[in-house]
Protein backbone atom coordinates (compact mmCIF):
# COMPACT_ATOMS: atom_id res chain seq x y z
CA MET A 1 -22.13 -19.60 18.50
CA ALA A 2 -22.39 -16.27 18.67
CA ARG A 3 -25.44 -14.27 18.84
CA THR A 4 -25.94 -12.80 15.43
CA ALA A 5 -27.34 -9.64 17.14
CA ARG A 6 -24.12 -8.22 18.51
CA LEU A 7 -22.79 -8.58 14.97
CA SER A 8 -21.02 -4.80 13.84
CA SER A 9 -19.35 -3.77 10.91
CA SER A 10 -16.17 -2.68 12.80
CA LEU A 11 -16.11 -6.53 14.11
CA ILE A 12 -17.19 -7.38 10.74
CA VAL A 13 -13.91 -5.74 9.25
CA SER A 14 -11.91 -6.29 11.93
CA THR A 15 -12.16 -9.71 11.89
CA ALA A 16 -11.52 -9.99 7.98
CA LEU A 17 -8.57 -8.16 8.77
CA ASP A 18 -6.96 -10.71 10.93
CA LEU A 19 -8.26 -13.28 8.40
CA VAL A 20 -6.19 -11.37 5.51
CA ASP A 21 -3.19 -10.67 8.04
CA ARG A 22 -2.79 -14.45 8.81
CA HIS A 23 -4.15 -16.16 5.66
CA GLY A 24 -3.74 -13.93 3.13
CA VAL A 25 -7.24 -12.44 0.61
CA ASP A 26 -7.77 -15.98 -1.24
CA ALA A 27 -8.42 -17.29 1.77
CA LEU A 28 -11.25 -14.96 2.85
CA THR A 29 -14.58 -16.16 1.88
CA MET A 30 -18.21 -14.96 3.63
CA ARG A 31 -18.02 -18.75 5.05
CA ALA A 32 -14.77 -17.91 6.21
CA LEU A 33 -15.59 -14.98 8.15
CA ALA A 34 -19.13 -16.12 9.30
CA ARG A 35 -16.64 -19.19 11.14
CA ALA A 36 -14.26 -16.97 12.66
CA LEU A 37 -17.01 -14.53 13.55
CA GLY A 38 -19.16 -17.80 15.49
CA ALA A 39 -22.09 -16.38 13.32
CA ASP A 40 -24.12 -17.66 10.24
CA PRO A 41 -23.12 -16.43 6.79
CA MET A 42 -26.23 -14.45 6.01
CA ALA A 43 -26.07 -12.80 9.54
CA VAL A 44 -22.48 -11.58 8.10
CA TYR A 45 -24.54 -10.80 4.64
CA ARG A 46 -26.87 -8.51 6.35
CA HIS A 47 -23.81 -6.01 7.17
CA VAL A 48 -22.26 -6.31 3.77
CA ARG A 49 -23.09 -6.51 0.93
CA ASP A 50 -20.34 -9.47 -1.10
CA LYS A 51 -16.72 -9.42 -0.91
CA GLU A 52 -16.48 -6.86 -2.94
CA ALA A 53 -17.88 -5.25 -0.48
CA LEU A 54 -15.67 -6.17 2.15
CA LEU A 55 -12.58 -5.89 0.31
CA GLY A 56 -13.64 -2.16 -0.21
CA ALA A 57 -14.16 -2.08 3.54
CA LEU A 58 -10.99 -3.65 4.46
CA CYS A 59 -9.16 -1.40 2.10
CA ASP A 60 -11.10 1.80 3.95
CA ALA A 61 -10.22 0.40 7.29
CA VAL A 62 -6.34 0.54 6.12
CA LEU A 63 -6.48 4.41 4.52
CA ALA A 64 -8.09 5.53 7.54
CA ASP A 65 -5.94 4.13 10.28
CA LEU A 66 -3.01 6.49 8.39
CA ASP A 67 -2.30 9.58 10.09
CA ARG A 68 -4.12 12.92 9.68
CA PHE A 69 -2.25 15.61 7.22
CA ASP A 70 -1.94 18.50 10.00
CA PRO A 71 -2.06 21.35 7.86
CA ASP A 72 0.29 23.29 10.43
CA ARG A 73 3.25 21.14 9.27
CA PRO A 74 5.45 21.31 6.32
CA TRP A 75 3.24 19.54 3.25
CA ARG A 76 6.97 17.14 2.19
CA GLY A 77 7.18 15.78 5.31
CA GLN A 78 3.96 14.47 6.03
CA LEU A 79 3.58 13.19 2.14
CA GLU A 80 7.14 11.30 2.99
CA ARG A 81 4.94 10.32 6.30
CA PHE A 82 2.31 8.90 4.61
CA ALA A 83 4.10 7.00 2.26
CA TRP A 84 6.34 5.39 4.68
CA GLN A 85 3.24 4.70 6.63
CA LEU A 86 1.08 3.03 3.96
CA ARG A 87 3.76 0.92 2.74
CA ASP A 88 4.54 -0.89 6.28
CA SER A 89 0.77 -1.71 6.08
CA LEU A 90 0.86 -3.35 3.09
CA ALA A 91 3.75 -5.20 3.76
CA ALA A 92 2.27 -6.68 6.99
CA ARG A 93 -0.72 -7.47 4.61
CA PRO A 94 0.78 -7.59 1.21
CA SER A 95 -1.69 -10.04 -0.36
CA LEU A 96 -4.14 -6.73 0.45
CA ALA A 97 -1.60 -4.20 -2.21
CA ALA A 98 -3.33 -5.79 -5.66
CA VAL A 99 -6.65 -5.00 -3.94
CA LEU A 100 -5.96 -1.84 -2.85
CA ALA A 101 -4.63 -1.12 -6.20
CA GLY A 102 -8.55 -1.89 -8.18
CA ALA A 103 -10.47 -0.78 -4.93
CA PRO A 104 -12.86 2.13 -5.89
CA VAL A 105 -12.64 5.14 -4.08
CA THR A 106 -13.16 4.96 -0.53
CA PRO A 107 -14.39 7.61 2.25
CA ALA A 108 -11.24 7.31 4.11
CA ALA A 109 -9.36 7.83 0.94
CA LEU A 110 -11.60 10.78 -0.38
CA ALA A 111 -10.67 12.08 3.46
CA LEU A 112 -6.91 12.00 2.84
CA THR A 113 -7.35 13.18 0.00
CA GLN A 114 -8.71 16.34 0.79
CA GLN A 115 -6.75 17.25 4.08
CA ALA A 116 -3.42 16.34 1.24
CA VAL A 117 -5.31 19.13 -1.35
CA VAL A 118 -5.90 21.73 1.46
CA LEU A 119 -2.50 21.49 3.46
CA MET A 120 -0.14 21.11 0.43
CA THR A 121 -2.27 23.98 -1.56
CA GLY A 122 -2.29 26.46 1.83
CA GLN A 123 1.77 26.47 1.41
CA GLY A 124 1.89 27.41 -1.70
CA VAL A 125 1.68 24.45 -3.66
CA PRO A 126 -0.39 24.88 -7.15
CA LEU A 127 -3.68 22.77 -7.01
CA ASP A 128 -2.37 20.38 -9.76
CA VAL A 129 0.92 19.49 -8.44
CA ALA A 130 -0.86 19.15 -5.24
CA ALA A 131 -3.19 16.67 -7.06
CA GLY A 132 -0.94 15.18 -9.48
CA GLY A 133 1.77 14.43 -6.84
CA LEU A 134 -0.83 12.64 -4.45
CA ALA A 135 -1.75 10.26 -7.19
CA THR A 136 1.97 9.63 -8.01
CA VAL A 137 2.68 9.19 -4.51
CA PHE A 138 -0.38 6.68 -3.83
CA ALA A 139 0.36 5.42 -6.76
CA TYR A 140 4.09 4.40 -6.29
CA VAL A 141 3.40 2.85 -3.22
CA ILE A 142 1.06 0.41 -3.90
CA GLY A 143 2.89 -0.57 -6.96
CA PHE A 144 5.94 -1.18 -4.80
CA ALA A 145 3.70 -2.61 -2.35
CA VAL A 146 2.29 -5.51 -5.38
CA THR A 147 6.00 -5.97 -6.88
CA GLU A 148 7.14 -6.76 -3.23
CA ALA A 149 4.12 -8.67 -2.63
CA SER A 150 5.14 -11.06 -5.94
CA LEU A 151 8.71 -11.94 -5.56
CA PRO A 152 9.55 -14.96 -4.62
CA ASP A 153 11.52 -16.16 -1.19
CA PRO A 154 14.93 -15.09 -2.05
CA ALA A 155 15.94 -18.06 0.07
CA GLU A 156 14.02 -20.30 -2.55
CA GLY A 157 14.17 -18.31 -5.65
CA ARG A 158 17.57 -17.23 -6.48
CA ASP A 159 19.07 -20.58 -7.02
CA GLU A 160 16.47 -20.47 -9.57
CA LEU A 161 16.93 -17.30 -11.06
CA ARG A 162 20.75 -17.26 -11.58
CA ARG A 163 19.91 -20.92 -13.69
CA ALA A 164 17.84 -19.03 -16.03
CA ALA A 165 19.72 -15.74 -16.12
CA LEU A 166 22.86 -17.94 -17.37
CA HIS A 167 19.99 -19.99 -19.47
CA HIS A 168 19.47 -17.03 -21.48
CA LEU A 169 23.37 -15.54 -21.40
CA GLY A 170 23.89 -18.45 -23.32
CA ASP A 171 27.25 -19.55 -21.26
CA PRO A 172 26.83 -21.48 -18.01
CA GLU A 173 30.72 -21.89 -17.97
CA THR A 174 30.95 -18.68 -17.61
CA GLU A 175 29.19 -16.16 -15.48
CA PRO A 176 29.04 -12.63 -16.59
CA PRO A 177 30.73 -10.09 -13.80
CA HIS A 178 28.48 -7.90 -11.98
CA LEU A 179 25.10 -10.93 -12.15
CA ASP A 180 25.15 -11.26 -8.11
CA THR A 181 24.28 -7.40 -8.95
CA ALA A 182 21.37 -8.00 -11.39
CA LEU A 183 20.17 -10.85 -9.67
CA ARG A 184 19.70 -8.53 -6.16
CA LEU A 185 17.98 -6.22 -8.78
CA VAL A 186 15.05 -9.06 -9.66
CA GLU A 187 14.90 -10.71 -6.19
CA GLN A 188 13.41 -7.19 -4.84
CA PRO A 189 12.55 -4.11 -5.79
CA ALA A 190 15.02 -0.20 -5.58
CA ASP A 191 14.52 0.60 -2.37
CA PHE A 192 11.66 2.40 -1.37
CA GLY A 193 12.72 5.18 0.23
CA PHE A 194 15.31 6.23 -2.78
CA GLY A 195 12.17 6.17 -5.05
CA LEU A 196 10.07 8.28 -2.83
CA GLU A 197 13.09 10.83 -2.46
CA LEU A 198 13.02 11.52 -6.07
CA ILE A 199 9.29 11.71 -6.30
CA LEU A 200 9.33 13.74 -3.36
CA GLU A 201 12.36 15.94 -4.46
CA GLY A 202 10.66 16.51 -8.21
CA LEU A 203 7.53 18.02 -6.61
CA GLU A 204 9.68 20.36 -5.46
CA ARG A 205 10.94 21.75 -8.55
CA ARG A 206 7.81 21.74 -9.11
CA VAL A 207 6.29 24.49 -6.65
CA PRO A 208 7.34 28.37 -6.35
CA PRO A 209 10.13 28.66 -3.52
CA THR A 210 7.55 29.93 -0.85
CA GLY A 211 5.72 26.77 -1.38
CA SER A 212 9.01 24.61 -0.84
CA SER A 213 9.47 22.63 2.63
CA ARG A 214 12.99 20.84 3.22
CA ASP A 215 11.81 19.18 6.08
CA ALA A 216 11.49 15.54 6.08
CA ASP A 217 10.50 14.78 9.23
CA GLY A 218 7.08 16.98 9.07
CA SER A 219 8.45 18.53 12.51
């Protein structure tokens, strides 16, 4: 068993993230974490108050791992990059998406917000548009990730979805046109990039011409 003196907040968080990556949030308990650390559970509690605080620390770590906003690069490309990075991070650990949706504001979230607002307002974006736009993008990414995590495995769920659809349509002998298309929309959320593009284009329409940027890659 590892000596508890070697425990640190960063080690606890990285080990907890590894557990979430392999087994999901539901499997993350203070006992399981202590076992993975080779430590006594009470030693872990000396570094983290409870599971709620631990989950908050995990959310903070995920956000802190994202690239910082650069005030010298166009705002639209950087906001797009932020959205994709967060989406990819949550796709790698889908059970954490719902936790992040309900998590309190963390230091990393505050830092990212401040960087983004400074970036956008410095390039002519009105403050209310910058704040509202960032909140909208964040909510979109989280909502998309939560929805994606809740969907059944397409290989296992497609037949069940088809049976349910035909049952509710009332005529199992007659398959309506475009049913396959409709089932695909049920099985998986709309393309992430398409929705993100709509949000970013809507934001640009609210920005005076001098604050507009079509540079999608942030360079």
